C-alpha atoms as a PDB file:
ATOM      1  CA  MET A   1       0.000   0.000   0.000  1.00  0.00           C
ATOM      2  CA  TRP A   2       2.790   2.445   0.874  1.00  0.00           C
ATOM      3  CA  ALA A   3       4.506   1.874  -2.463  1.00  0.00           C
ATOM      4  CA  GLU A   4       1.457   2.821  -4.544  1.00  0.00           C
ATOM      5  CA  ARG A   5       1.625   5.923  -6.716  1.00  0.00           C
ATOM      6  CA  TYR A   6      -1.149   8.476  -6.972  1.00  0.00           C
ATOM      7  CA  ASP A   7      -0.435  10.394 -10.166  1.00  0.00           C
ATOM      8  CA  ARG A   8      -3.395  12.677 -10.703  1.00  0.00           C
ATOM      9  CA  THR A   9      -4.112  16.332 -11.275  1.00  0.00           C
ATOM     10  CA  LEU A  10      -4.126  18.713  -8.347  1.00  0.00           C
ATOM     11  CA  LYS A  11      -7.905  19.171  -8.632  1.00  0.00           C
ATOM     12  CA  ASP A  12      -8.294  15.483  -7.650  1.00  0.00           C
ATOM     13  CA  ILE A  13      -6.413  15.948  -4.365  1.00  0.00           C
ATOM     14  CA  LEU A  14      -9.494  15.394  -2.171  1.00  0.00           C
ATOM     15  CA  ALA A  15     -10.424  12.230  -4.045  1.00  0.00           C
ATOM     16  CA  ILE A  16      -6.867  10.971  -3.615  1.00  0.00           C
ATOM     17  CA  GLN A  17      -6.995  11.814   0.091  1.00  0.00           C
ATOM     18  CA  ASP A  18     -10.254   9.852   0.494  1.00  0.00           C
ATOM     19  CA  GLU A  19      -8.851   6.894  -1.428  1.00  0.00           C
ATOM     20  CA  ILE A  20      -5.703   6.773   0.702  1.00  0.00           C
ATOM     21  CA  ALA A  21      -7.721   7.072   3.927  1.00  0.00           C
ATOM     22  CA  LYS A  22      -9.998   4.185   2.896  1.00  0.00           C
ATOM     23  CA  LYS A  23      -7.020   1.988   2.028  1.00  0.00           C
ATOM     24  CA  ILE A  24      -5.358   2.723   5.356  1.00  0.00           C
ATOM     25  CA  ILE A  25      -8.565   2.033   7.281  1.00  0.00           C
ATOM     26  CA  ILE A  26      -9.069  -1.268   5.479  1.00  0.00           C
ATOM     27  CA  ALA A  27      -5.425  -2.272   5.946  1.00  0.00           C
ATOM     28  CA  LEU A  28      -5.434  -1.436   9.643  1.00  0.00           C
ATOM     29  CA  GLN A  29      -9.032  -2.545  10.296  1.00  0.00           C
ATOM     30  CA  VAL A  30      -9.571   0.691  12.233  1.00  0.00           C
ATOM     31  CA  LYS A  31     -12.831   1.088  14.091  1.00  0.00           C
ATOM     32  CA  LEU A  32     -14.376   4.415  13.110  1.00  0.00           C
ATOM     33  CA  THR A  33     -16.567   6.592  15.295  1.00  0.00           C
ATOM     34  CA  GLU A  34     -20.192   6.942  14.216  1.00  0.00           C
ATOM     35  CA  GLY A  35     -19.505  10.395  12.793  1.00  0.00           C
ATOM     36  CA  GLU A  36     -16.540   9.184  10.784  1.00  0.00           C
ATOM     37  CA  GLN A  37     -18.574   6.251   9.475  1.00  0.00           C
ATOM     38  CA  ALA A  38     -21.328   8.627   8.378  1.00  0.00           C
ATOM     39  CA  ILE A  39     -18.816  10.676   6.382  1.00  0.00           C
ATOM     40  CA  VAL A  40     -17.341   7.620   4.655  1.00  0.00           C
ATOM     41  CA  TYR A  41     -20.667   5.893   3.952  1.00  0.00           C
ATOM     42  CA  GLY A  42     -22.481   9.104   3.132  1.00  0.00           C
ATOM     43  CA  LYS A  43     -20.561   9.453  -0.109  1.00  0.00           C
ATOM     44  CA  GLY A  44     -22.467   6.468  -1.455  1.00  0.00           C
ATOM     45  CA  THR A  45     -22.353   5.691  -5.140  1.00  0.00           C
ATOM     46  CA  ASN A  46     -23.739   7.112  -8.339  1.00  0.00           C
ATOM     47  CA  ASN A  47     -24.026   3.610  -9.762  1.00  0.00           C
ATOM     48  CA  LEU A  48     -27.608   2.439  -9.266  1.00  0.00           C
ATOM     49  CA  GLU A  49     -26.750  -1.181 -10.045  1.00  0.00           C
ATOM     50  CA  ALA A  50     -24.019  -1.233  -7.366  1.00  0.00           C
ATOM     51  CA  TYR A  51     -26.416   0.337  -4.857  1.00  0.00           C
ATOM     52  CA  LEU A  52     -29.145  -2.228  -5.590  1.00  0.00           C
ATOM     53  CA  LYS A  53     -26.680  -5.100  -5.197  1.00  0.00           C
ATOM     54  CA  ILE A  54     -25.733  -3.857  -1.727  1.00  0.00           C
ATOM     55  CA  VAL A  55     -29.373  -3.394  -0.734  1.00  0.00           C
ATOM     56  CA  GLU A  56     -30.026  -7.006  -1.728  1.00  0.00           C
ATOM     57  CA  ALA A  57     -26.823  -8.199  -0.037  1.00  0.00           C
ATOM     58  CA  ASN A  58     -27.805  -6.577   3.254  1.00  0.00           C
ATOM     59  CA  TRP A  59     -31.312  -8.040   3.021  1.00  0.00           C
ATOM     60  CA  LEU A  60     -29.768 -11.488   2.494  1.00  0.00           C
ATOM     61  CA  LEU A  61     -27.458 -11.012   5.483  1.00  0.00           C
ATOM     62  CA  HIS A  62     -30.449 -10.307   7.707  1.00  0.00           C
ATOM     63  CA  GLN A  63     -31.945 -13.647   6.665  1.00  0.00           C
ATOM     64  CA  SER A  64     -29.089 -15.338   8.570  1.00  0.00           C
ATOM     65  CA  THR A  65     -28.723 -18.309   6.254  1.00  0.00           C
ATOM     66  CA  LYS A  66     -25.550 -19.848   4.859  1.00  0.00           C
ATOM     67  CA  GLU A  67     -26.849 -19.466   1.317  1.00  0.00           C
ATOM     68  CA  GLY A  68     -27.736 -15.828   1.975  1.00  0.00           C
ATOM     69  CA  VAL A  69     -24.248 -15.033   3.249  1.00  0.00           C
ATOM     70  CA  ILE A  70     -22.654 -16.684   0.207  1.00  0.00           C
ATOM     71  CA  LYS A  71     -24.900 -14.741  -2.180  1.00  0.00           C
ATOM     72  CA  ALA A  72     -24.340 -11.494  -0.209  1.00  0.00           C
ATOM     73  CA  ARG A  73     -20.589 -11.895  -0.631  1.00  0.00           C
ATOM     74  CA  LEU A  74     -20.952 -12.331  -4.380  1.00  0.00           C
ATOM     75  CA  LEU A  75     -23.214  -9.281  -4.601  1.00  0.00           C
ATOM     76  CA  ALA A  76     -20.745  -7.170  -2.597  1.00  0.00           C
ATOM     77  CA  GLU A  77     -17.908  -8.223  -4.899  1.00  0.00           C
ATOM     78  CA  GLU A  78     -20.034  -7.360  -7.938  1.00  0.00           C
ATOM     79  CA  ALA A  79     -20.908  -3.954  -6.457  1.00  0.00           C
ATOM     80  CA  ILE A  80     -17.214  -3.242  -5.860  1.00  0.00           C
ATOM     81  CA  SER A  81     -16.415  -4.187  -9.442  1.00  0.00           C
ATOM     82  CA  LEU A  82     -19.060  -1.676 -10.571  1.00  0.00           C
ATOM     83  CA  ASP A  83     -17.823   1.099  -8.238  1.00  0.00           C
ATOM     84  CA  SER A  84     -14.508   0.465  -6.524  1.00  0.00           C
ATOM     85  CA  ASN A  85     -14.944   3.595  -4.376  1.00  0.00           C
ATOM     86  CA  TYR A  86     -18.290   2.506  -2.894  1.00  0.00           C
ATOM     87  CA  ALA A  87     -17.457   2.314   0.822  1.00  0.00           C
ATOM     88  CA  LEU A  88     -20.649   0.508   1.824  1.00  0.00           C
ATOM     89  CA  ALA A  89     -19.876  -2.256  -0.666  1.00  0.00           C
ATOM     90  CA  HIS A  90     -16.433  -2.705   0.893  1.00  0.00           C
ATOM     91  CA  ASN A  91     -17.997  -2.690   4.355  1.00  0.00           C
ATOM     92  CA  THR A  92     -20.513  -5.345   3.328  1.00  0.00           C
ATOM     93  CA  LEU A  93     -17.690  -7.498   1.967  1.00  0.00           C
ATOM     94  CA  VAL A  94     -15.825  -7.165   5.261  1.00  0.00           C
ATOM     95  CA  VAL A  95     -18.964  -8.150   7.200  1.00  0.00           C
ATOM     96  CA  VAL A  96     -19.575 -11.295   5.140  1.00  0.00           C
ATOM     97  CA  THR A  97     -15.901 -12.259   5.356  1.00  0.00           C
ATOM     98  CA  TYR A  98     -15.994 -12.537   9.155  1.00  0.00           C
END
């Protein structure tokens, strides 16, 4: 992670900062405060398909079945492939991994 390069224009500095923060949080498995979580998750996604996959994944997780967890993991991975910056999709993947 530390060796990655972030070659972008200066106008993208905030996006780069968010991306680096997310990678550090994931790498360190840091527990965020509720306010910090709201900021990260509040960014959401502009990809409707990714959003709908996470809605379905979370519904499946609440069913508490083995099959539901397996399908939720697949949906989270698909949502991430549609929008790699979608924090809630990454969070859902972390939840189904544990």
